[in-house]
PDB file of N, CA and C in Angstrom:
ATOM      1  N   MET A   1      33.008  -0.050  -3.071  1.00  0.00           N
ATOM      2  CA  MET A   1      32.801  -1.513  -3.199  1.00  0.00           C
ATOM      3  C   MET A   1      33.390  -2.165  -1.641  1.00  0.00           C
ATOM      4  N   PRO A   2      32.336  -3.084  -1.364  1.00  0.00           N
ATOM      5  CA  PRO A   2      32.794  -3.858  -0.379  1.00  0.00           C
ATOM      6  C   PRO A   2      34.103  -4.447  -0.316  1.00  0.00           C
ATOM      7  N   ASN A   3      34.710  -4.540   0.672  1.00  0.00           N
ATOM      8  CA  ASN A   3      36.206  -5.301   0.884  1.00  0.00           C
ATOM      9  C   ASN A   3      35.956  -6.411   1.581  1.00  0.00           C
ATOM     10  N   THR A   4      35.331  -6.932   2.834  1.00  0.00           N
ATOM     11  CA  THR A   4      35.258  -7.581   3.662  1.00  0.00           C
ATOM     12  C   THR A   4      34.059  -8.332   3.285  1.00  0.00           C
ATOM     13  N   ALA A   5      34.342  -9.879   3.482  1.00  0.00           N
ATOM     14  CA  ALA A   5      33.096 -10.860   3.325  1.00  0.00           C
ATOM     15  C   ALA A   5      31.699 -10.011   4.040  1.00  0.00           C
ATOM     16  N   SER A   6      31.972  -9.739   5.251  1.00  0.00           N
ATOM     17  CA  SER A   6      30.794  -9.463   5.774  1.00  0.00           C
ATOM     18  C   SER A   6      29.814  -8.160   5.105  1.00  0.00           C
ATOM     19  N   ALA A   7      30.694  -7.412   4.525  1.00  0.00           N
ATOM     20  CA  ALA A   7      30.212  -6.058   3.960  1.00  0.00           C
ATOM     21  C   ALA A   7      29.493  -6.333   2.297  1.00  0.00           C
ATOM     22  N   LYS A   8      30.149  -7.837   1.838  1.00  0.00           N
ATOM     23  CA  LYS A   8      29.788  -8.363   0.525  1.00  0.00           C
ATOM     24  C   LYS A   8      28.651  -8.728   0.852  1.00  0.00           C
ATOM     25  N   LYS A   9      28.384  -9.472   2.143  1.00  0.00           N
ATOM     26  CA  LYS A   9      26.988 -10.326   2.398  1.00  0.00           C
ATOM     27  C   LYS A   9      26.047  -9.159   2.374  1.00  0.00           C
ATOM     28  N   ARG A  10      26.281  -8.224   3.341  1.00  0.00           N
ATOM     29  CA  ARG A  10      25.503  -6.996   3.753  1.00  0.00           C
ATOM     30  C   ARG A  10      24.948  -6.419   2.553  1.00  0.00           C
ATOM     31  N   VAL A  11      25.765  -6.276   1.179  1.00  0.00           N
ATOM     32  CA  VAL A  11      25.185  -5.850   0.132  1.00  0.00           C
ATOM     33  C   VAL A  11      24.081  -6.471  -0.442  1.00  0.00           C
ATOM     34  N   ARG A  12      24.619  -7.963  -0.678  1.00  0.00           N
ATOM     35  CA  ARG A  12      23.726  -8.927  -1.242  1.00  0.00           C
ATOM     36  C   ARG A  12      22.127  -8.834  -0.537  1.00  0.00           C
ATOM     37  N   GLN A  13      22.337  -8.795   0.927  1.00  0.00           N
ATOM     38  CA  GLN A  13      21.001  -8.653   1.773  1.00  0.00           C
ATOM     39  C   GLN A  13      20.241  -7.398   1.270  1.00  0.00           C
ATOM     40  N   THR A  14      20.832  -6.515   1.329  1.00  0.00           N
ATOM     41  CA  THR A  14      20.302  -5.136   0.971  1.00  0.00           C
ATOM     42  C   THR A  14      19.434  -5.197  -0.160  1.00  0.00           C
ATOM     43  N   GLU A  15      20.018  -5.934  -1.421  1.00  0.00           N
ATOM     44  CA  GLU A  15      19.536  -5.852  -2.681  1.00  0.00           C
ATOM     45  C   GLU A  15      18.402  -6.561  -2.696  1.00  0.00           C
ATOM     46  N   LYS A  16      18.508  -7.776  -2.008  1.00  0.00           N
ATOM     47  CA  LYS A  16      17.159  -8.743  -1.596  1.00  0.00           C
ATOM     48  C   LYS A  16      15.846  -7.827  -0.933  1.00  0.00           C
ATOM     49  N   LYS A  17      16.547  -6.972  -0.065  1.00  0.00           N
ATOM     50  CA  LYS A  17      15.332  -6.597   0.758  1.00  0.00           C
ATOM     51  C   LYS A  17      14.843  -5.242  -0.177  1.00  0.00           C
ATOM     52  N   LYS A  18      15.654  -4.549  -0.808  1.00  0.00           N
ATOM     53  CA  LYS A  18      15.144  -3.439  -1.669  1.00  0.00           C
ATOM     54  C   LYS A  18      14.269  -4.211  -2.880  1.00  0.00           C
ATOM     55  N   ALA A  19      14.399  -5.250  -3.372  1.00  0.00           N
ATOM     56  CA  ALA A  19      13.803  -5.680  -4.248  1.00  0.00           C
ATOM     57  C   ALA A  19      12.288  -6.009  -3.743  1.00  0.00           C
ATOM     58  N   LEU A  20      12.260  -6.822  -2.706  1.00  0.00           N
ATOM     59  CA  LEU A  20      11.081  -7.165  -2.115  1.00  0.00           C
ATOM     60  C   LEU A  20      10.250  -5.901  -1.571  1.00  0.00           C
ATOM     61  N   ASN A  21      11.222  -4.728  -0.981  1.00  0.00           N
ATOM     62  CA  ASN A  21      10.310  -3.623  -0.695  1.00  0.00           C
ATOM     63  C   ASN A  21       9.643  -3.050  -1.892  1.00  0.00           C
ATOM     64  N   LEU A  22      10.259  -2.987  -2.923  1.00  0.00           N
ATOM     65  CA  LEU A  22       9.815  -2.222  -4.339  1.00  0.00           C
ATOM     66  C   LEU A  22       8.547  -3.250  -4.772  1.00  0.00           C
ATOM     67  N   TRP A  23       8.632  -4.046  -4.711  1.00  0.00           N
ATOM     68  CA  TRP A  23       7.705  -5.308  -5.032  1.00  0.00           C
ATOM     69  C   TRP A  23       5.951  -4.881  -4.152  1.00  0.00           C
ATOM     70  N   ARG A  24       6.410  -4.846  -2.834  1.00  0.00           N
ATOM     71  CA  ARG A  24       5.560  -4.508  -1.891  1.00  0.00           C
ATOM     72  C   ARG A  24       4.558  -3.219  -2.119  1.00  0.00           C
ATOM     73  N   LYS A  25       5.558  -2.020  -2.435  1.00  0.00           N
ATOM     74  CA  LYS A  25       5.019  -1.093  -2.670  1.00  0.00           C
ATOM     75  C   LYS A  25       4.448  -0.891  -3.993  1.00  0.00           C
ATOM     76  N   ARG A  26       4.662  -1.641  -5.073  1.00  0.00           N
ATOM     77  CA  ARG A  26       4.240  -1.968  -6.159  1.00  0.00           C
ATOM     78  C   ARG A  26       2.773  -2.290  -6.164  1.00  0.00           C
ATOM     79  N   GLN A  27       2.706  -3.558  -5.233  1.00  0.00           N
ATOM     80  CA  GLN A  27       1.422  -3.931  -4.956  1.00  0.00           C
ATOM     81  C   GLN A  27       0.662  -3.064  -4.292  1.00  0.00           C
ATOM     82  N   VAL A  28       0.833  -2.176  -3.453  1.00  0.00           N
ATOM     83  CA  VAL A  28      -0.041  -1.216  -2.817  1.00  0.00           C
ATOM     84  C   VAL A  28      -0.648  -0.213  -3.959  1.00  0.00           C
ATOM     85  N   LYS A  29       0.385   0.322  -4.883  1.00  0.00           N
ATOM     86  CA  LYS A  29       0.254   1.292  -5.621  1.00  0.00           C
ATOM     87  C   LYS A  29      -0.936   0.670  -6.467  1.00  0.00           C
ATOM     88  N   ASP A  30      -0.593  -0.442  -7.049  1.00  0.00           N
ATOM     89  CA  ASP A  30      -1.660  -0.965  -8.063  1.00  0.00           C
ATOM     90  C   ASP A  30      -3.100  -1.243  -7.337  1.00  0.00           C
ATOM     91  N   SER A  31      -3.167  -1.526  -6.085  1.00  0.00           N
ATOM     92  CA  SER A  31      -4.194  -2.032  -5.544  1.00  0.00           C
ATOM     93  C   SER A  31      -5.107  -0.527  -5.519  1.00  0.00           C
ATOM     94  N   THR A  32      -4.157   0.669  -5.044  1.00  0.00           N
ATOM     95  CA  THR A  32      -4.762   1.914  -4.750  1.00  0.00           C
ATOM     96  C   THR A  32      -5.502   2.549  -5.917  1.00  0.00           C
ATOM     97  N   LYS A  33      -4.581   2.245  -7.094  1.00  0.00           N
ATOM     98  CA  LYS A  33      -5.136   2.516  -8.209  1.00  0.00           C
ATOM     99  C   LYS A  33      -6.982   1.941  -8.503  1.00  0.00           C
ATOM    100  N   VAL A  34      -6.739   0.827  -8.245  1.00  0.00           N
ATOM    101  CA  VAL A  34      -8.001   0.173  -8.640  1.00  0.00           C
ATOM    102  C   VAL A  34      -8.820   0.827  -7.590  1.00  0.00           C
ATOM    103  N   PHE A  35      -8.992   1.228  -6.333  1.00  0.00           N
ATOM    104  CA  PHE A  35      -9.468   1.667  -5.724  1.00  0.00           C
ATOM    105  C   PHE A  35     -10.106   3.125  -6.028  1.00  0.00           C
ATOM    106  N   LEU A  36      -9.293   4.073  -6.180  1.00  0.00           N
ATOM    107  CA  LEU A  36      -9.604   5.235  -6.748  1.00  0.00           C
ATOM    108  C   LEU A  36     -10.070   5.131  -8.193  1.00  0.00           C
ATOM    109  N   LYS A  37      -9.895   4.394  -8.857  1.00  0.00           N
ATOM    110  CA  LYS A  37     -10.859   4.333 -10.300  1.00  0.00           C
ATOM    111  C   LYS A  37     -12.236   3.974  -9.779  1.00  0.00           C
ATOM    112  N   ALA A  38     -12.479   3.114  -8.957  1.00  0.00           N
ATOM    113  CA  ALA A  38     -13.698   2.462  -8.571  1.00  0.00           C
ATOM    114  C   ALA A  38     -14.564   3.662  -7.984  1.00  0.00           C
ATOM    115  N   VAL A  39     -13.909   4.231  -7.097  1.00  0.00           N
ATOM    116  CA  VAL A  39     -14.818   5.345  -6.632  1.00  0.00           C
ATOM    117  C   VAL A  39     -14.942   6.587  -7.502  1.00  0.00           C
ATOM    118  N   HIS A  40     -14.014   6.832  -8.601  1.00  0.00           N
ATOM    119  CA  HIS A  40     -14.249   7.900  -9.460  1.00  0.00           C
ATOM    120  C   HIS A  40     -15.548   7.380 -10.388  1.00  0.00           C
ATOM    121  N   ASP A  41     -15.562   6.052 -10.660  1.00  0.00           N
ATOM    122  CA  ASP A  41     -16.599   5.635 -11.464  1.00  0.00           C
ATOM    123  C   ASP A  41     -18.008   5.422 -11.022  1.00  0.00           C
ATOM    124  N   GLY A  42     -18.040   5.631  -9.342  1.00  0.00           N
ATOM    125  CA  GLY A  42     -19.074   5.653  -8.640  1.00  0.00           C
ATOM    126  C   GLY A  42     -19.517   4.106  -8.317  1.00  0.00           C
ATOM    127  N   ASP A  43     -18.753   3.027  -8.614  1.00  0.00           N
ATOM    128  CA  ASP A  43     -18.784   1.716  -8.308  1.00  0.00           C
ATOM    129  C   ASP A  43     -18.488   1.615  -6.599  1.00  0.00           C
ATOM    130  N   PHE A  44     -19.325   1.567  -5.771  1.00  0.00           N
ATOM    131  CA  PHE A  44     -19.167   1.814  -4.424  1.00  0.00           C
ATOM    132  C   PHE A  44     -19.041   0.335  -3.933  1.00  0.00           C
ATOM    133  N   GLY A  45     -19.553  -0.695  -4.465  1.00  0.00           N
ATOM    134  CA  GLY A  45     -19.123  -2.212  -4.173  1.00  0.00           C
ATOM    135  C   GLY A  45     -17.851  -2.845  -4.423  1.00  0.00           C
ATOM    136  N   ALA A  46     -17.119  -2.166  -5.647  1.00  0.00           N
ATOM    137  CA  ALA A  46     -16.057  -2.288  -6.209  1.00  0.00           C
ATOM    138  C   ALA A  46     -14.754  -2.096  -5.267  1.00  0.00           C
ATOM    139  N   ALA A  47     -15.326  -0.636  -5.029  1.00  0.00           N
ATOM    140  CA  ALA A  47     -14.593   0.115  -4.123  1.00  0.00           C
ATOM    141  C   ALA A  47     -14.069  -0.040  -2.514  1.00  0.00           C
ATOM    142  N   GLU A  48     -15.193  -0.563  -1.993  1.00  0.00           N
ATOM    143  CA  GLU A  48     -15.091  -1.100  -0.750  1.00  0.00           C
ATOM    144  C   GLU A  48     -14.311  -2.707  -0.868  1.00  0.00           C
ATOM    145  N   LYS A  49     -14.398  -3.487  -1.826  1.00  0.00           N
ATOM    146  CA  LYS A  49     -13.434  -4.572  -2.158  1.00  0.00           C
ATOM    147  C   LYS A  49     -12.089  -4.148  -2.270  1.00  0.00           C
ATOM    148  N   ALA A  50     -11.800  -3.156  -3.246  1.00  0.00           N
ATOM    149  CA  ALA A  50     -10.765  -2.583  -3.218  1.00  0.00           C
ATOM    150  C   ALA A  50      -9.823  -2.076  -1.884  1.00  0.00           C
ATOM    151  N   LEU A  51     -10.590  -1.283  -0.999  1.00  0.00           N
ATOM    152  CA  LEU A  51     -10.322  -0.622   0.105  1.00  0.00           C
ATOM    153  C   LEU A  51     -10.057  -1.857   0.993  1.00  0.00           C
ATOM    154  N   SER A  52     -10.621  -2.846   1.053  1.00  0.00           N
ATOM    155  CA  SER A  52     -10.321  -3.973   1.955  1.00  0.00           C
ATOM    156  C   SER A  52      -9.124  -4.944   1.703  1.00  0.00           C
ATOM    157  N   ARG A  53      -8.775  -4.960   0.441  1.00  0.00           N
ATOM    158  CA  ARG A  53      -7.656  -5.403  -0.071  1.00  0.00           C
ATOM    159  C   ARG A  53      -6.377  -4.654   0.140  1.00  0.00           C
ATOM    160  N   VAL A  54      -6.694  -3.228  -0.216  1.00  0.00           N
ATOM    161  CA  VAL A  54      -5.411  -2.354   0.240  1.00  0.00           C
ATOM    162  C   VAL A  54      -5.153  -2.047   1.533  1.00  0.00           C
ATOM    163  N   SER A  55      -5.986  -2.377   2.514  1.00  0.00           N
ATOM    164  CA  SER A  55      -6.025  -2.222   3.950  1.00  0.00           C
ATOM    165  C   SER A  55      -5.174  -3.490   4.196  1.00  0.00           C
ATOM    166  N   GLY A  56      -5.557  -4.410   3.845  1.00  0.00           N
ATOM    167  CA  GLY A  56      -4.912  -5.694   4.093  1.00  0.00           C
ATOM    168  C   GLY A  56      -3.304  -5.731   3.896  1.00  0.00           C
ATOM    169  N   LEU A  57      -3.073  -5.449   2.797  1.00  0.00           N
ATOM    170  CA  LEU A  57      -1.870  -5.048   2.220  1.00  0.00           C
ATOM    171  C   LEU A  57      -0.817  -4.407   3.249  1.00  0.00           C
ATOM    172  N   LEU A  58      -1.676  -3.164   3.406  1.00  0.00           N
ATOM    173  CA  LEU A  58      -0.811  -2.140   4.247  1.00  0.00           C
ATOM    174  C   LEU A  58      -0.707  -2.325   5.843  1.00  0.00           C
ATOM    175  N   ASP A  59      -1.675  -3.275   5.899  1.00  0.00           N
ATOM    176  CA  ASP A  59      -1.255  -3.947   7.532  1.00  0.00           C
ATOM    177  C   ASP A  59      -0.181  -4.885   7.459  1.00  0.00           C
ATOM    178  N   ARG A  60      -0.186  -5.747   6.277  1.00  0.00           N
ATOM    179  CA  ARG A  60       0.537  -6.871   6.380  1.00  0.00           C
ATOM    180  C   ARG A  60       2.224  -6.350   6.115  1.00  0.00           C
ATOM    181  N   PHE A  61       2.100  -5.056   5.252  1.00  0.00           N
ATOM    182  CA  PHE A  61       3.488  -4.642   4.841  1.00  0.00           C
ATOM    183  C   PHE A  61       3.959  -3.629   6.126  1.00  0.00           C
ATOM    184  N   ALA A  62       3.295  -3.270   6.711  1.00  0.00           N
ATOM    185  CA  ALA A  62       3.530  -2.309   8.092  1.00  0.00           C
ATOM    186  C   ALA A  62       4.484  -3.489   9.038  1.00  0.00           C
ATOM    187  N   THR A  63       3.691  -4.498   9.082  1.00  0.00           N
ATOM    188  CA  THR A  63       4.404  -5.218  10.201  1.00  0.00           C
ATOM    189  C   THR A  63       5.830  -5.879   9.719  1.00  0.00           C
ATOM    190  N   LYS A  64       5.982  -5.832   8.377  1.00  0.00           N
ATOM    191  CA  LYS A  64       7.264  -6.177   7.646  1.00  0.00           C
ATOM    192  C   LYS A  64       8.343  -5.040   7.710  1.00  0.00           C
ATOM    193  N   SER A  65       7.912  -3.760   7.981  1.00  0.00           N
ATOM    194  CA  SER A  65       8.738  -2.718   7.930  1.00  0.00           C
ATOM    195  C   SER A  65       8.954  -2.086   6.772  1.00  0.00           C
ATOM    196  N   THR A  66       8.001  -2.357   5.790  1.00  0.00           N
ATOM    197  CA  THR A  66       7.965  -1.647   4.368  1.00  0.00           C
ATOM    198  C   THR A  66       7.523  -0.350   4.571  1.00  0.00           C
ATOM    199  N   TYR A  67       6.346  -0.392   5.378  1.00  0.00           N
ATOM    200  CA  TYR A  67       6.012   1.124   5.649  1.00  0.00           C
ATOM    201  C   TYR A  67       5.724   1.241   7.003  1.00  0.00           C
ATOM    202  N   HIS A  68       5.947   2.442   7.557  1.00  0.00           N
ATOM    203  CA  HIS A  68       5.746   2.421   9.157  1.00  0.00           C
ATOM    204  C   HIS A  68       4.260   2.669   9.232  1.00  0.00           C
ATOM    205  N   ARG A  69       4.031   1.969  10.529  1.00  0.00           N
ATOM    206  CA  ARG A  69       2.629   1.664  10.864  1.00  0.00           C
ATOM    207  C   ARG A  69       1.680   3.019  10.881  1.00  0.00           C
ATOM    208  N   ASN A  70       2.241   3.989  11.171  1.00  0.00           N
ATOM    209  CA  ASN A  70       1.687   5.296  10.997  1.00  0.00           C
ATOM    210  C   ASN A  70       1.023   5.670   9.581  1.00  0.00           C
ATOM    211  N   THR A  71       2.065   5.563   8.729  1.00  0.00           N
ATOM    212  CA  THR A  71       2.104   5.865   7.347  1.00  0.00           C
ATOM    213  C   THR A  71       0.692   4.497   6.831  1.00  0.00           C
ATOM    214  N   ALA A  72       0.858   3.529   7.065  1.00  0.00           N
ATOM    215  CA  ALA A  72      -0.139   2.576   6.778  1.00  0.00           C
ATOM    216  C   ALA A  72      -1.497   3.005   7.188  1.00  0.00           C
ATOM    217  N   ALA A  73      -1.562   3.540   8.422  1.00  0.00           N
ATOM    218  CA  ALA A  73      -2.796   3.757   9.083  1.00  0.00           C
ATOM    219  C   ALA A  73      -3.564   5.279   8.366  1.00  0.00           C
ATOM    220  N   ARG A  74      -2.517   6.198   8.198  1.00  0.00           N
ATOM    221  CA  ARG A  74      -2.886   7.197   7.409  1.00  0.00           C
ATOM    222  C   ARG A  74      -3.372   7.081   5.746  1.00  0.00           C
ATOM    223  N   LYS A  75      -2.812   6.056   5.232  1.00  0.00           N
ATOM    224  CA  LYS A  75      -3.172   5.914   4.156  1.00  0.00           C
ATOM    225  C   LYS A  75      -4.568   5.301   4.030  1.00  0.00           C
ATOM    226  N   LYS A  76      -4.795   4.566   4.916  1.00  0.00           N
ATOM    227  CA  LYS A  76      -6.197   3.756   5.079  1.00  0.00           C
ATOM    228  C   LYS A  76      -7.270   4.651   5.375  1.00  0.00           C
ATOM    229  N   SER A  77      -6.762   5.536   6.382  1.00  0.00           N
ATOM    230  CA  SER A  77      -7.756   6.718   6.695  1.00  0.00           C
ATOM    231  C   SER A  77      -8.226   7.485   5.594  1.00  0.00           C
ATOM    232  N   ARG A  78      -7.303   7.908   4.630  1.00  0.00           N
ATOM    233  CA  ARG A  78      -7.401   8.752   3.703  1.00  0.00           C
ATOM    234  C   ARG A  78      -8.319   8.178   2.945  1.00  0.00           C
ATOM    235  N   MET A  79      -8.096   6.873   2.412  1.00  0.00           N
ATOM    236  CA  MET A  79      -8.859   6.123   1.490  1.00  0.00           C
ATOM    237  C   MET A  79     -10.375   6.006   1.950  1.00  0.00           C
ATOM    238  N   ALA A  80     -10.520   5.707   3.052  1.00  0.00           N
ATOM    239  CA  ALA A  80     -11.667   5.578   3.689  1.00  0.00           C
ATOM    240  C   ALA A  80     -12.698   6.890   3.673  1.00  0.00           C
ATOM    241  N   GLN A  81     -11.943   7.760   3.962  1.00  0.00           N
ATOM    242  CA  GLN A  81     -12.455   9.234   4.005  1.00  0.00           C
ATOM    243  C   GLN A  81     -12.914   9.486   2.284  1.00  0.00           C
ATOM    244  N   SER A  82     -12.191   9.163   1.647  1.00  0.00           N
ATOM    245  CA  SER A  82     -12.496   9.436   0.010  1.00  0.00           C
ATOM    246  C   SER A  82     -13.879   8.647  -0.250  1.00  0.00           C
ATOM    247  N   LEU A  83     -13.882   7.671   0.216  1.00  0.00           N
ATOM    248  CA  LEU A  83     -14.923   6.768   0.039  1.00  0.00           C
ATOM    249  C   LEU A  83     -16.200   7.250   0.463  1.00  0.00           C
ATOM    250  N   ASN A  84     -16.153   7.597   1.664  1.00  0.00           N
ATOM    251  CA  ASN A  84     -17.405   8.027   2.201  1.00  0.00           C
ATOM    252  C   ASN A  84     -17.846   9.177   1.837  1.00  0.00           C
ATOM    253  N   LYS A  85     -16.804  10.116   1.703  1.00  0.00           N
ATOM    254  CA  LYS A  85     -17.430  11.258   0.841  1.00  0.00           C
ATOM    255  C   LYS A  85     -18.007  11.227  -0.395  1.00  0.00           C
ATOM    256  N   ALA A  86     -17.436  10.157  -1.338  1.00  0.00           N
ATOM    257  CA  ALA A  86     -18.136  10.239  -2.700  1.00  0.00           C
ATOM    258  C   ALA A  86     -19.420   9.603  -2.409  1.00  0.00           C
ATOM    259  N   LYS A  87     -19.584   8.574  -1.258  1.00  0.00           N
ATOM    260  CA  LYS A  87     -20.805   8.081  -1.231  1.00  0.00           C
ATOM    261  C   LYS A  87     -22.045   9.097  -0.688  1.00  0.00           C
ATOM    262  N   ALA A  88     -21.208   9.858   0.457  1.00  0.00           N
ATOM    263  CA  ALA A  88     -22.303  11.234   0.823  1.00  0.00           C
ATOM    264  C   ALA A  88     -22.654  12.156  -0.495  1.00  0.00           C
ATOM    265  N   THR A  89     -21.656  12.308  -1.399  1.00  0.00           N
ATOM    266  CA  THR A  89     -22.271  13.262  -2.431  1.00  0.00           C
ATOM    267  C   THR A  89     -23.275  12.505  -3.417  1.00  0.00           C
ATOM    268  N   LYS A  90     -22.704  11.118  -3.555  1.00  0.00           N
ATOM    269  CA  LYS A  90     -23.723  10.602  -4.502  1.00  0.00           C
ATOM    270  C   LYS A  90     -25.312  10.316  -3.949  1.00  0.00           C
ATOM    271  N   ALA A  91     -25.784  10.254  -2.525  1.00  0.00           N
ATOM    272  CA  ALA A  91     -26.665  10.385  -1.744  1.00  0.00           C
ATOM    273  C   ALA A  91     -27.182  11.680  -1.685  1.00  0.00           C
ATOM    274  N   ALA A  92     -26.646  12.736  -1.762  1.00  0.00           N
ATOM    275  CA  ALA A  92     -26.888  13.932  -1.636  1.00  0.00           C
ATOM    276  C   ALA A  92     -27.729  14.420  -2.944  1.00  0.00           C
TER     277      ALA A  92
END
């Protein structure tokens, strides 16, 4: 348990930051699920919209230090690759 006032304040700040980061990560996970469902169903229009939304969220949260910028880039890249692969498979 924290004893000093500054340590108590740091605990309060950490709890707020943790809650915000968990909310942000949940937003990304939920949007990613929407994207993956659209790709699985073959609805490429909806998948592109979902990819755009997820990319925006990842970019925004990478600047807020919820995600490292390389992690956000990797996630966006892998989703784009999966969408392009699904489109190529559908076209062939």
